PDB file of N, CA and C in Angstrom:
ATOM      1  N   MET A   1      80.986 141.086  52.703  1.00  0.00           N
ATOM      2  CA  MET A   1      82.063 141.280  51.752  1.00  0.00           C
ATOM      3  C   MET A   1      82.511 139.918  51.233  1.00  0.00           C
ATOM      4  N   VAL A   2      82.652 139.760  49.941  1.00  0.00           N
ATOM      5  CA  VAL A   2      83.045 138.491  49.330  1.00  0.00           C
ATOM      6  C   VAL A   2      84.559 138.357  49.418  1.00  0.00           C
ATOM      7  N   VAL A   3      85.016 137.260  50.029  1.00  0.00           N
ATOM      8  CA  VAL A   3      86.445 137.015  50.190  1.00  0.00           C
ATOM      9  C   VAL A   3      87.005 136.312  48.959  1.00  0.00           C
ATOM     10  N   SER A   4      86.321 135.230  48.511  1.00  0.00           N
ATOM     11  CA  SER A   4      86.779 134.542  47.299  1.00  0.00           C
ATOM     12  C   SER A   4      85.581 133.910  46.598  1.00  0.00           C
ATOM     13  N   ASN A   5      85.618 133.926  45.292  1.00  0.00           N
ATOM     14  CA  ASN A   5      84.577 133.282  44.495  1.00  0.00           C
ATOM     15  C   ASN A   5      85.030 131.870  44.159  1.00  0.00           C
ATOM     16  N   GLY A   6      84.551 130.915  44.938  1.00  0.00           N
ATOM     17  CA  GLY A   6      84.921 129.527  44.693  1.00  0.00           C
ATOM     18  C   GLY A   6      84.063 128.917  43.611  1.00  0.00           C
ATOM     19  N   LYS A   7      84.362 127.662  43.228  1.00  0.00           N
ATOM     20  CA  LYS A   7      83.588 126.980  42.203  1.00  0.00           C
ATOM     21  C   LYS A   7      82.200 126.606  42.724  1.00  0.00           C
ATOM     22  N   ASP A   8      82.180 126.102  43.957  1.00  0.00           N
ATOM     23  CA  ASP A   8      80.907 125.650  44.518  1.00  0.00           C
ATOM     24  C   ASP A   8      80.091 126.813  45.076  1.00  0.00           C
ATOM     25  N   ALA A   9      80.673 127.510  46.050  1.00  0.00           N
ATOM     26  CA  ALA A   9      79.937 128.620  46.692  1.00  0.00           C
ATOM     27  C   ALA A   9      80.935 129.717  47.057  1.00  0.00           C
ATOM     28  N   PRO A  10      80.534 130.969  46.880  1.00  0.00           N
ATOM     29  CA  PRO A  10      81.442 132.056  47.266  1.00  0.00           C
ATOM     30  C   PRO A  10      81.604 132.134  48.784  1.00  0.00           C
ATOM     31  N   VAL A  11      82.804 132.464  49.216  1.00  0.00           N
ATOM     32  CA  VAL A  11      83.087 132.610  50.640  1.00  0.00           C
ATOM     33  C   VAL A  11      82.907 134.077  50.998  1.00  0.00           C
ATOM     34  N   ALA A  12      82.084 134.341  52.020  1.00  0.00           N
ATOM     35  CA  ALA A  12      81.803 135.717  52.419  1.00  0.00           C
ATOM     36  C   ALA A  12      82.227 135.939  53.863  1.00  0.00           C
ATOM     37  N   LYS A  13      82.466 137.183  54.192  1.00  0.00           N
ATOM     38  CA  LYS A  13      82.900 137.558  55.534  1.00  0.00           C
ATOM     39  C   LYS A  13      81.903 138.603  56.050  1.00  0.00           C
ATOM     40  N   ILE A  14      81.417 138.407  57.251  1.00  0.00           N
ATOM     41  CA  ILE A  14      80.471 139.355  57.838  1.00  0.00           C
ATOM     42  C   ILE A  14      81.269 140.401  58.599  1.00  0.00           C
ATOM     43  N   LEU A  15      80.994 141.666  58.299  1.00  0.00           N
ATOM     44  CA  LEU A  15      81.690 142.741  58.995  1.00  0.00           C
ATOM     45  C   LEU A  15      80.806 143.970  59.112  1.00  0.00           C
ATOM     46  N   ASP A  16      81.251 144.875  59.953  1.00  0.00           N
ATOM     47  CA  ASP A  16      80.515 146.115  60.196  1.00  0.00           C
ATOM     48  C   ASP A  16      80.795 147.076  59.041  1.00  0.00           C
ATOM     49  N   TYR A  17      79.761 147.487  58.318  1.00  0.00           N
ATOM     50  CA  TYR A  17      79.928 148.343  57.149  1.00  0.00           C
ATOM     51  C   TYR A  17      80.464 149.722  57.529  1.00  0.00           C
ATOM     52  N   GLY A  18      80.020 150.268  58.645  1.00  0.00           N
ATOM     53  CA  GLY A  18      80.511 151.571  59.110  1.00  0.00           C
ATOM     54  C   GLY A  18      82.003 151.532  59.398  1.00  0.00           C
ATOM     55  N   LYS A  19      82.439 150.447  60.016  1.00  0.00           N
ATOM     56  CA  LYS A  19      83.862 150.283  60.318  1.00  0.00           C
ATOM     57  C   LYS A  19      84.685 150.174  59.033  1.00  0.00           C
ATOM     58  N   LEU A  20      84.144 149.443  58.041  1.00  0.00           N
ATOM     59  CA  LEU A  20      84.821 149.311  56.751  1.00  0.00           C
ATOM     60  C   LEU A  20      84.977 150.667  56.070  1.00  0.00           C
ATOM     61  N   GLN A  21      83.906 151.465  56.062  1.00  0.00           N
ATOM     62  CA  GLN A  21      83.971 152.801  55.462  1.00  0.00           C
ATOM     63  C   GLN A  21      85.003 153.665  56.171  1.00  0.00           C
ATOM     64  N   TYR A  22      85.023 153.610  57.498  1.00  0.00           N
ATOM     65  CA  TYR A  22      85.973 154.408  58.282  1.00  0.00           C
ATOM     66  C   TYR A  22      87.407 154.026  57.944  1.00  0.00           C
ATOM     67  N   GLN A  23      87.694 152.732  57.877  1.00  0.00           N
ATOM     68  CA  GLN A  23      89.054 152.280  57.568  1.00  0.00           C
ATOM     69  C   GLN A  23      89.463 152.677  56.158  1.00  0.00           C
ATOM     70  N   GLN A  24      88.551 152.600  55.190  1.00  0.00           N
ATOM     71  CA  GLN A  24      88.876 152.996  53.822  1.00  0.00           C
ATOM     72  C   GLN A  24      89.156 154.492  53.729  1.00  0.00           C
ATOM     73  N   SER A  25      88.357 155.299  54.416  1.00  0.00           N
ATOM     74  CA  SER A  25      88.598 156.748  54.376  1.00  0.00           C
ATOM     75  C   SER A  25      89.905 157.096  55.077  1.00  0.00           C
ATOM     76  N   LYS A  26      90.212 156.394  56.154  1.00  0.00           N
ATOM     77  CA  LYS A  26      91.467 156.626  56.878  1.00  0.00           C
ATOM     78  C   LYS A  26      92.669 156.281  55.997  1.00  0.00           C
ATOM     79  N   ARG A  27      92.590 155.147  55.285  1.00  0.00           N
ATOM     80  CA  ARG A  27      93.658 154.743  54.376  1.00  0.00           C
ATOM     81  C   ARG A  27      93.830 155.747  53.237  1.00  0.00           C
ATOM     82  N   GLN A  28      92.722 156.243  52.713  1.00  0.00           N
ATOM     83  CA  GLN A  28      92.780 157.191  51.608  1.00  0.00           C
ATOM     84  C   GLN A  28      93.403 158.510  52.057  1.00  0.00           C
ATOM     85  N   LYS A  29      93.062 158.988  53.240  1.00  0.00           N
ATOM     86  CA  LYS A  29      93.639 160.234  53.753  1.00  0.00           C
ATOM     87  C   LYS A  29      95.137 160.075  53.974  1.00  0.00           C
ATOM     88  N   GLN A  30      95.535 158.925  54.492  1.00  0.00           N
ATOM     89  CA  GLN A  30      96.948 158.699  54.784  1.00  0.00           C
ATOM     90  C   GLN A  30      97.769 158.633  53.500  1.00  0.00           C
ATOM     91  N   SER A  31      97.226 158.023  52.459  1.00  0.00           N
ATOM     92  CA  SER A  31      97.988 157.887  51.220  1.00  0.00           C
ATOM     93  C   SER A  31      98.040 159.194  50.437  1.00  0.00           C
ATOM     94  N   SER A  32      97.036 160.050  50.622  1.00  0.00           N
ATOM     95  CA  SER A  32      97.015 161.295  49.861  1.00  0.00           C
ATOM     96  C   SER A  32      97.733 162.434  50.575  1.00  0.00           C
ATOM     97  N   LYS A  33      98.191 162.198  51.806  1.00  0.00           N
ATOM     98  CA  LYS A  33      98.863 163.245  52.550  1.00  0.00           C
ATOM     99  C   LYS A  33     100.258 163.497  51.973  1.00  0.00           C
ATOM    100  N   PRO A  34     100.546 164.729  51.570  1.00  0.00           N
ATOM    101  CA  PRO A  34     101.886 164.989  51.042  1.00  0.00           C
ATOM    102  C   PRO A  34     102.932 164.885  52.158  1.00  0.00           C
ATOM    103  N   SER A  35     104.086 164.382  51.816  1.00  0.00           N
ATOM    104  CA  SER A  35     105.126 164.217  52.818  1.00  0.00           C
ATOM    105  C   SER A  35     106.317 165.116  52.484  1.00  0.00           C
ATOM    106  N   LEU A  36     107.226 165.192  53.409  1.00  0.00           N
ATOM    107  CA  LEU A  36     108.430 165.996  53.246  1.00  0.00           C
ATOM    108  C   LEU A  36     109.602 165.052  53.026  1.00  0.00           C
ATOM    109  N   LYS A  37     110.246 165.175  51.889  1.00  0.00           N
ATOM    110  CA  LYS A  37     111.420 164.360  51.569  1.00  0.00           C
ATOM    111  C   LYS A  37     112.660 165.198  51.871  1.00  0.00           C
ATOM    112  N   GLU A  38     113.690 164.549  52.360  1.00  0.00           N
ATOM    113  CA  GLU A  38     114.905 165.258  52.750  1.00  0.00           C
ATOM    114  C   GLU A  38     116.083 164.753  51.930  1.00  0.00           C
ATOM    115  N   VAL A  39     116.864 165.692  51.392  1.00  0.00           N
ATOM    116  CA  VAL A  39     118.041 165.358  50.601  1.00  0.00           C
ATOM    117  C   VAL A  39     119.241 166.025  51.254  1.00  0.00           C
ATOM    118  N   LYS A  40     120.217 165.215  51.648  1.00  0.00           N
ATOM    119  CA  LYS A  40     121.425 165.745  52.284  1.00  0.00           C
ATOM    120  C   LYS A  40     122.563 165.734  51.271  1.00  0.00           C
ATOM    121  N   LEU A  41     123.261 166.842  51.193  1.00  0.00           N
ATOM    122  CA  LEU A  41     124.363 166.985  50.243  1.00  0.00           C
ATOM    123  C   LEU A  41     125.592 167.512  50.959  1.00  0.00           C
ATOM    124  N   ARG A  42     126.721 167.338  50.327  1.00  0.00           N
ATOM    125  CA  ARG A  42     127.967 167.953  50.769  1.00  0.00           C
ATOM    126  C   ARG A  42     128.373 168.938  49.679  1.00  0.00           C
ATOM    127  N   PRO A  43     129.157 169.975  49.995  1.00  0.00           N
ATOM    128  CA  PRO A  43     129.495 170.977  48.977  1.00  0.00           C
ATOM    129  C   PRO A  43     130.331 170.425  47.821  1.00  0.00           C
ATOM    130  N   ASN A  44     131.057 169.341  48.041  1.00  0.00           N
ATOM    131  CA  ASN A  44     131.884 168.779  46.971  1.00  0.00           C
ATOM    132  C   ASN A  44     131.259 167.505  46.403  1.00  0.00           C
ATOM    133  N   VAL A  45     129.934 167.505  46.237  1.00  0.00           N
ATOM    134  CA  VAL A  45     129.219 166.339  45.721  1.00  0.00           C
ATOM    135  C   VAL A  45     129.602 166.111  44.259  1.00  0.00           C
ATOM    136  N   GLY A  46     129.689 164.843  43.871  1.00  0.00           N
ATOM    137  CA  GLY A  46     130.018 164.502  42.488  1.00  0.00           C
ATOM    138  C   GLY A  46     128.881 164.849  41.550  1.00  0.00           C
ATOM    139  N   GLU A  47     129.210 165.045  40.285  1.00  0.00           N
ATOM    140  CA  GLU A  47     128.209 165.470  39.306  1.00  0.00           C
ATOM    141  C   GLU A  47     127.111 164.427  39.116  1.00  0.00           C
ATOM    142  N   SER A  48     127.475 163.143  39.038  1.00  0.00           N
ATOM    143  CA  SER A  48     126.456 162.102  38.836  1.00  0.00           C
ATOM    144  C   SER A  48     125.533 161.989  40.042  1.00  0.00           C
ATOM    145  N   ASP A  49     126.086 162.086  41.252  1.00  0.00           N
ATOM    146  CA  ASP A  49     125.257 162.054  42.461  1.00  0.00           C
ATOM    147  C   ASP A  49     124.324 163.259  42.508  1.00  0.00           C
ATOM    148  N   TYR A  50     124.834 164.396  42.121  1.00  0.00           N
ATOM    149  CA  TYR A  50     124.030 165.615  42.116  1.00  0.00           C
ATOM    150  C   TYR A  50     122.855 165.472  41.138  1.00  0.00           C
ATOM    151  N   GLN A  51     123.134 164.989  39.931  1.00  0.00           N
ATOM    152  CA  GLN A  51     122.082 164.832  38.930  1.00  0.00           C
ATOM    153  C   GLN A  51     121.028 163.815  39.382  1.00  0.00           C
ATOM    154  N   LEU A  52     121.467 162.735  40.025  1.00  0.00           N
ATOM    155  CA  LEU A  52     120.540 161.724  40.536  1.00  0.00           C
ATOM    156  C   LEU A  52     119.603 162.331  41.573  1.00  0.00           C
ATOM    157  N   ARG A  53     120.148 163.114  42.478  1.00  0.00           N
ATOM    158  CA  ARG A  53     119.325 163.723  43.530  1.00  0.00           C
ATOM    159  C   ARG A  53     118.361 164.755  42.953  1.00  0.00           C
ATOM    160  N   ILE A  54     118.777 165.479  41.936  1.00  0.00           N
ATOM    161  CA  ILE A  54     117.887 166.445  41.294  1.00  0.00           C
ATOM    162  C   ILE A  54     116.737 165.721  40.595  1.00  0.00           C
ATOM    163  N   ARG A  55     117.049 164.624  39.880  1.00  0.00           N
ATOM    164  CA  ARG A  55     115.999 163.858  39.199  1.00  0.00           C
ATOM    165  C   ARG A  55     114.977 163.308  40.193  1.00  0.00           C
ATOM    166  N   ARG A  56     115.468 162.745  41.291  1.00  0.00           N
ATOM    167  CA  ARG A  56     114.565 162.217  42.315  1.00  0.00           C
ATOM    168  C   ARG A  56     113.708 163.319  42.909  1.00  0.00           C
ATOM    169  N   SER A  57     114.298 164.463  43.141  1.00  0.00           N
ATOM    170  CA  SER A  57     113.558 165.584  43.716  1.00  0.00           C
ATOM    171  C   SER A  57     112.455 166.050  42.782  1.00  0.00           C
ATOM    172  N   VAL A  58     112.741 166.102  41.497  1.00  0.00           N
ATOM    173  CA  VAL A  58     111.730 166.507  40.526  1.00  0.00           C
ATOM    174  C   VAL A  58     110.586 165.485  40.512  1.00  0.00           C
ATOM    175  N   GLU A  59     110.913 164.189  40.626  1.00  0.00           N
ATOM    176  CA  GLU A  59     109.879 163.153  40.694  1.00  0.00           C
ATOM    177  C   GLU A  59     108.999 163.361  41.927  1.00  0.00           C
ATOM    178  N   TRP A  60     109.632 163.600  43.086  1.00  0.00           N
ATOM    179  CA  TRP A  60     108.871 163.799  44.319  1.00  0.00           C
ATOM    180  C   TRP A  60     107.976 165.026  44.211  1.00  0.00           C
ATOM    181  N   LEU A  61     108.501 166.088  43.626  1.00  0.00           N
ATOM    182  CA  LEU A  61     107.710 167.306  43.478  1.00  0.00           C
ATOM    183  C   LEU A  61     106.523 167.072  42.552  1.00  0.00           C
ATOM    184  N   SER A  62     106.721 166.276  41.500  1.00  0.00           N
ATOM    185  CA  SER A  62     105.612 166.000  40.583  1.00  0.00           C
ATOM    186  C   SER A  62     104.535 165.150  41.255  1.00  0.00           C
ATOM    187  N   LYS A  63     104.919 164.341  42.259  1.00  0.00           N
ATOM    188  CA  LYS A  63     103.941 163.546  43.001  1.00  0.00           C
ATOM    189  C   LYS A  63     103.225 164.366  44.076  1.00  0.00           C
ATOM    190  N   GLY A  64     103.732 165.582  44.346  1.00  0.00           N
ATOM    191  CA  GLY A  64     103.077 166.433  45.336  1.00  0.00           C
ATOM    192  C   GLY A  64     103.800 166.517  46.667  1.00  0.00           C
ATOM    193  N   ASP A  65     104.975 165.927  46.772  1.00  0.00           N
ATOM    194  CA  ASP A  65     105.735 165.975  48.020  1.00  0.00           C
ATOM    195  C   ASP A  65     106.641 167.202  48.044  1.00  0.00           C
ATOM    196  N   SER A  66     106.897 167.715  49.237  1.00  0.00           N
ATOM    197  CA  SER A  66     107.855 168.804  49.397  1.00  0.00           C
ATOM    198  C   SER A  66     109.248 168.206  49.564  1.00  0.00           C
ATOM    199  N   VAL A  67     110.260 168.982  49.193  1.00  0.00           N
ATOM    200  CA  VAL A  67     111.638 168.508  49.287  1.00  0.00           C
ATOM    201  C   VAL A  67     112.453 169.512  50.087  1.00  0.00           C
ATOM    202  N   LYS A  68     113.249 168.991  51.019  1.00  0.00           N
ATOM    203  CA  LYS A  68     114.116 169.822  51.855  1.00  0.00           C
ATOM    204  C   LYS A  68     115.561 169.422  51.558  1.00  0.00           C
ATOM    205  N   PHE A  69     116.351 170.389  51.127  1.00  0.00           N
ATOM    206  CA  PHE A  69     117.767 170.157  50.838  1.00  0.00           C
ATOM    207  C   PHE A  69     118.594 170.660  52.011  1.00  0.00           C
ATOM    208  N   LEU A  70     119.505 169.817  52.495  1.00  0.00           N
ATOM    209  CA  LEU A  70     120.421 170.185  53.571  1.00  0.00           C
ATOM    210  C   LEU A  70     121.840 170.039  53.058  1.00  0.00           C
ATOM    211  N   VAL A  71     122.637 171.077  53.225  1.00  0.00           N
ATOM    212  CA  VAL A  71     124.050 170.993  52.867  1.00  0.00           C
ATOM    213  C   VAL A  71     124.824 170.902  54.172  1.00  0.00           C
ATOM    214  N   ARG A  72     125.539 169.809  54.339  1.00  0.00           N
ATOM    215  CA  ARG A  72     126.289 169.581  55.569  1.00  0.00           C
ATOM    216  C   ARG A  72     127.758 169.899  55.354  1.00  0.00           C
ATOM    217  N   LEU A  73     128.326 170.616  56.279  1.00  0.00           N
ATOM    218  CA  LEU A  73     129.744 170.961  56.228  1.00  0.00           C
ATOM    219  C   LEU A  73     130.457 170.242  57.362  1.00  0.00           C
ATOM    220  N   ARG A  74     131.635 169.711  57.046  1.00  0.00           N
ATOM    221  CA  ARG A  74     132.434 169.042  58.076  1.00  0.00           C
ATOM    222  C   ARG A  74     133.866 169.531  57.979  1.00  0.00           C
ATOM    223  N   GLY A  75     134.475 169.707  59.126  1.00  0.00           N
ATOM    224  CA  GLY A  75     135.888 170.061  59.184  1.00  0.00           C
ATOM    225  C   GLY A  75     136.216 171.365  58.494  1.00  0.00           C
ATOM    226  N   ARG A  76     137.159 171.293  57.575  1.00  0.00           N
ATOM    227  CA  ARG A  76     137.611 172.507  56.887  1.00  0.00           C
ATOM    228  C   ARG A  76     136.615 173.042  55.866  1.00  0.00           C
ATOM    229  N   GLU A  77     135.566 172.281  55.599  1.00  0.00           N
ATOM    230  CA  GLU A  77     134.554 172.759  54.659  1.00  0.00           C
ATOM    231  C   GLU A  77     133.867 174.017  55.172  1.00  0.00           C
ATOM    232  N   HIS A  78     133.911 174.249  56.475  1.00  0.00           N
ATOM    233  CA  HIS A  78     133.296 175.456  57.049  1.00  0.00           C
ATOM    234  C   HIS A  78     133.972 176.728  56.531  1.00  0.00           C
ATOM    235  N   GLN A  79     135.206 176.633  56.102  1.00  0.00           N
ATOM    236  CA  GLN A  79     135.909 177.800  55.573  1.00  0.00           C
ATOM    237  C   GLN A  79     135.371 178.197  54.192  1.00  0.00           C
ATOM    238  N   HIS A  80     134.655 177.277  53.545  1.00  0.00           N
ATOM    239  CA  HIS A  80     134.150 177.529  52.194  1.00  0.00           C
ATOM    240  C   HIS A  80     132.625 177.499  52.176  1.00  0.00           C
ATOM    241  N   ARG A  81     131.995 178.261  53.060  1.00  0.00           N
ATOM    242  CA  ARG A  81     130.534 178.318  53.110  1.00  0.00           C
ATOM    243  C   ARG A  81     129.955 178.902  51.826  1.00  0.00           C
ATOM    244  N   ASP A  82     130.754 179.715  51.125  1.00  0.00           N
ATOM    245  CA  ASP A  82     130.264 180.314  49.888  1.00  0.00           C
ATOM    246  C   ASP A  82     129.985 179.240  48.832  1.00  0.00           C
ATOM    247  N   ARG A  83     130.780 178.157  48.810  1.00  0.00           N
ATOM    248  CA  ARG A  83     130.540 177.058  47.859  1.00  0.00           C
ATOM    249  C   ARG A  83     129.219 176.364  48.156  1.00  0.00           C
ATOM    250  N   ALA A  84     128.895 176.241  49.429  1.00  0.00           N
ATOM    251  CA  ALA A  84     127.625 175.618  49.805  1.00  0.00           C
ATOM    252  C   ALA A  84     126.452 176.503  49.382  1.00  0.00           C
ATOM    253  N   GLY A  85     126.593 177.807  49.537  1.00  0.00           N
ATOM    254  CA  GLY A  85     125.552 178.734  49.095  1.00  0.00           C
ATOM    255  C   GLY A  85     125.359 178.681  47.586  1.00  0.00           C
ATOM    256  N   GLU A  86     126.479 178.570  46.851  1.00  0.00           N
ATOM    257  CA  GLU A  86     126.397 178.449  45.392  1.00  0.00           C
ATOM    258  C   GLU A  86     125.695 177.145  44.993  1.00  0.00           C
ATOM    259  N   LEU A  87     125.924 176.082  45.770  1.00  0.00           N
ATOM    260  CA  LEU A  87     125.271 174.810  45.493  1.00  0.00           C
ATOM    261  C   LEU A  87     123.757 174.943  45.665  1.00  0.00           C
ATOM    262  N   LEU A  88     123.308 175.640  46.683  1.00  0.00           N
ATOM    263  CA  LEU A  88     121.871 175.852  46.885  1.00  0.00           C
ATOM    264  C   LEU A  88     121.267 176.659  45.734  1.00  0.00           C
ATOM    265  N   ASP A  89     121.992 177.684  45.281  1.00  0.00           N
ATOM    266  CA  ASP A  89     121.516 178.474  44.140  1.00  0.00           C
ATOM    267  C   ASP A  89     121.423 177.609  42.875  1.00  0.00           C
ATOM    268  N   ARG A  90     122.395 176.719  42.708  1.00  0.00           N
ATOM    269  CA  ARG A  90     122.401 175.826  41.545  1.00  0.00           C
ATOM    270  C   ARG A  90     121.206 174.867  41.599  1.00  0.00           C
ATOM    271  N   ILE A  91     120.867 174.400  42.806  1.00  0.00           N
ATOM    272  CA  ILE A  91     119.714 173.512  42.966  1.00  0.00           C
ATOM    273  C   ILE A  91     118.438 174.235  42.555  1.00  0.00           C
ATOM    274  N   VAL A  92     118.277 175.473  43.013  1.00  0.00           N
ATOM    275  CA  VAL A  92     117.086 176.257  42.668  1.00  0.00           C
ATOM    276  C   VAL A  92     116.979 176.414  41.156  1.00  0.00           C
ATOM    277  N   LYS A  93     118.098 176.676  40.513  1.00  0.00           N
ATOM    278  CA  LYS A  93     118.104 176.864  39.058  1.00  0.00           C
ATOM    279  C   LYS A  93     117.785 175.560  38.334  1.00  0.00           C
ATOM    280  N   ASP A  94     118.348 174.432  38.807  1.00  0.00           N
ATOM    281  CA  ASP A  94     118.160 173.153  38.129  1.00  0.00           C
ATOM    282  C   ASP A  94     116.767 172.572  38.338  1.00  0.00           C
ATOM    283  N   ILE A  95     116.154 172.822  39.478  1.00  0.00           N
ATOM    284  CA  ILE A  95     114.789 172.325  39.725  1.00  0.00           C
ATOM    285  C   ILE A  95     113.823 173.058  38.803  1.00  0.00           C
ATOM    286  N   GLY A  96     114.017 174.346  38.627  1.00  0.00           N
ATOM    287  CA  GLY A  96     113.237 175.124  37.667  1.00  0.00           C
ATOM    288  C   GLY A  96     111.762 175.207  37.990  1.00  0.00           C
ATOM    289  N   ASP A  97     110.927 174.828  37.012  1.00  0.00           N
ATOM    290  CA  ASP A  97     109.483 174.973  37.144  1.00  0.00           C
ATOM    291  C   ASP A  97     108.827 173.824  37.898  1.00  0.00           C
ATOM    292  N   ALA A  98     109.596 172.800  38.272  1.00  0.00           N
ATOM    293  CA  ALA A  98     109.004 171.655  38.974  1.00  0.00           C
ATOM    294  C   ALA A  98     108.511 172.044  40.364  1.00  0.00           C
ATOM    295  N   GLY A  99     109.133 173.043  40.971  1.00  0.00           N
ATOM    296  CA  GLY A  99     108.720 173.467  42.302  1.00  0.00           C
ATOM    297  C   GLY A  99     109.046 174.922  42.533  1.00  0.00           C
ATOM    298  N   LYS A 100     108.505 175.447  43.622  1.00  0.00           N
ATOM    299  CA  LYS A 100     108.801 176.837  43.969  1.00  0.00           C
ATOM    300  C   LYS A 100     109.499 176.869  45.327  1.00  0.00           C
ATOM    301  N   VAL A 101     110.369 177.830  45.494  1.00  0.00           N
ATOM    302  CA  VAL A 101     111.160 177.939  46.712  1.00  0.00           C
ATOM    303  C   VAL A 101     110.282 178.483  47.831  1.00  0.00           C
ATOM    304  N   GLN A 102     110.201 177.721  48.902  1.00  0.00           N
ATOM    305  CA  GLN A 102     109.441 178.165  50.063  1.00  0.00           C
ATOM    306  C   GLN A 102     110.358 178.885  51.042  1.00  0.00           C
ATOM    307  N   ALA A 103     111.554 178.345  51.247  1.00  0.00           N
ATOM    308  CA  ALA A 103     112.504 178.973  52.161  1.00  0.00           C
ATOM    309  C   ALA A 103     113.918 178.665  51.686  1.00  0.00           C
ATOM    310  N   LEU A 104     114.759 179.696  51.721  1.00  0.00           N
ATOM    311  CA  LEU A 104     116.176 179.545  51.370  1.00  0.00           C
ATOM    312  C   LEU A 104     116.972 180.233  52.454  1.00  0.00           C
ATOM    313  N   ASP A 105     117.621 179.436  53.297  1.00  0.00           N
ATOM    314  CA  ASP A 105     118.386 179.969  54.410  1.00  0.00           C
ATOM    315  C   ASP A 105     119.856 179.628  54.169  1.00  0.00           C
ATOM    316  N   LYS A 106     120.619 180.616  53.706  1.00  0.00           N
ATOM    317  CA  LYS A 106     122.025 180.358  53.403  1.00  0.00           C
ATOM    318  C   LYS A 106     122.876 180.278  54.659  1.00  0.00           C
ATOM    319  N   LYS A 107     122.372 180.816  55.764  1.00  0.00           N
ATOM    320  CA  LYS A 107     123.133 180.730  57.014  1.00  0.00           C
ATOM    321  C   LYS A 107     123.081 179.307  57.570  1.00  0.00           C
ATOM    322  N   ALA A 108     121.872 178.705  57.550  1.00  0.00           N
ATOM    323  CA  ALA A 108     121.721 177.339  58.025  1.00  0.00           C
ATOM    324  C   ALA A 108     121.933 176.312  56.902  1.00  0.00           C
ATOM    325  N   LEU A 109     122.093 176.781  55.664  1.00  0.00           N
ATOM    326  CA  LEU A 109     122.297 175.950  54.486  1.00  0.00           C
ATOM    327  C   LEU A 109     121.131 174.973  54.281  1.00  0.00           C
ATOM    328  N   VAL A 110     119.915 175.520  54.326  1.00  0.00           N
ATOM    329  CA  VAL A 110     118.701 174.729  54.153  1.00  0.00           C
ATOM    330  C   VAL A 110     117.866 175.357  53.036  1.00  0.00           C
ATOM    331  N   LEU A 111     117.281 174.501  52.192  1.00  0.00           N
ATOM    332  CA  LEU A 111     116.430 174.947  51.098  1.00  0.00           C
ATOM    333  C   LEU A 111     115.167 174.099  51.113  1.00  0.00           C
ATOM    334  N   MET A 112     114.001 174.767  51.191  1.00  0.00           N
ATOM    335  CA  MET A 112     112.706 174.074  51.160  1.00  0.00           C
ATOM    336  C   MET A 112     112.033 174.384  49.827  1.00  0.00           C
ATOM    337  N   ILE A 113     111.604 173.358  49.123  1.00  0.00           N
ATOM    338  CA  ILE A 113     110.921 173.528  47.845  1.00  0.00           C
ATOM    339  C   ILE A 113     109.582 172.798  47.918  1.00  0.00           C
ATOM    340  N   THR A 114     108.514 173.486  47.511  1.00  0.00           N
ATOM    341  CA  THR A 114     107.184 172.899  47.484  1.00  0.00           C
ATOM    342  C   THR A 114     106.761 172.705  46.033  1.00  0.00           C
ATOM    343  N   PRO A 115     105.811 171.807  45.777  1.00  0.00           N
ATOM    344  CA  PRO A 115     105.364 171.602  44.401  1.00  0.00           C
ATOM    345  C   PRO A 115     104.758 172.858  43.800  1.00  0.00           C
ATOM    346  N   ALA A 116     104.965 173.051  42.518  1.00  0.00           N
ATOM    347  CA  ALA A 116     104.453 174.245  41.840  1.00  0.00           C
ATOM    348  C   ALA A 116     102.985 174.118  41.527  1.00  0.00           C
TER     349      ALA A 116
END
C-alpha cells in the first residue's frame, strides 16, 4: 500500500492484504448499520425547541436511522398525561411521510418511528 508519493521515491507499507480487506469490510458494516436516535421531550416544550427536534428527526429518518421519542413527566405534570398523549399524536402528524410509526405506547409515553 502506498503511504505517500514523494518526489524521489514513493513510500510504501507492507501489510497483509487479507487483513486489510477484513478491516475495510468491518468499517463498512459499522458505518452502514442504522442506529436508534432518542429524543426526550417534556409536555410543555417550547415551540422553537419542538420544531428543532422535529427537523432533526426528519433528517435522521432520511439517513435511515430510527427515532424514539420519550415524553418525561415530573411532579404535577403526571396529572396532565392527556397533554403528553396529544404531544405524541402531534409528533406523528408532523413527521408525516418521513417515517412510519412502529410503536405508540401512550401509557409509557414512548413513540418509535422507523424510516419509510
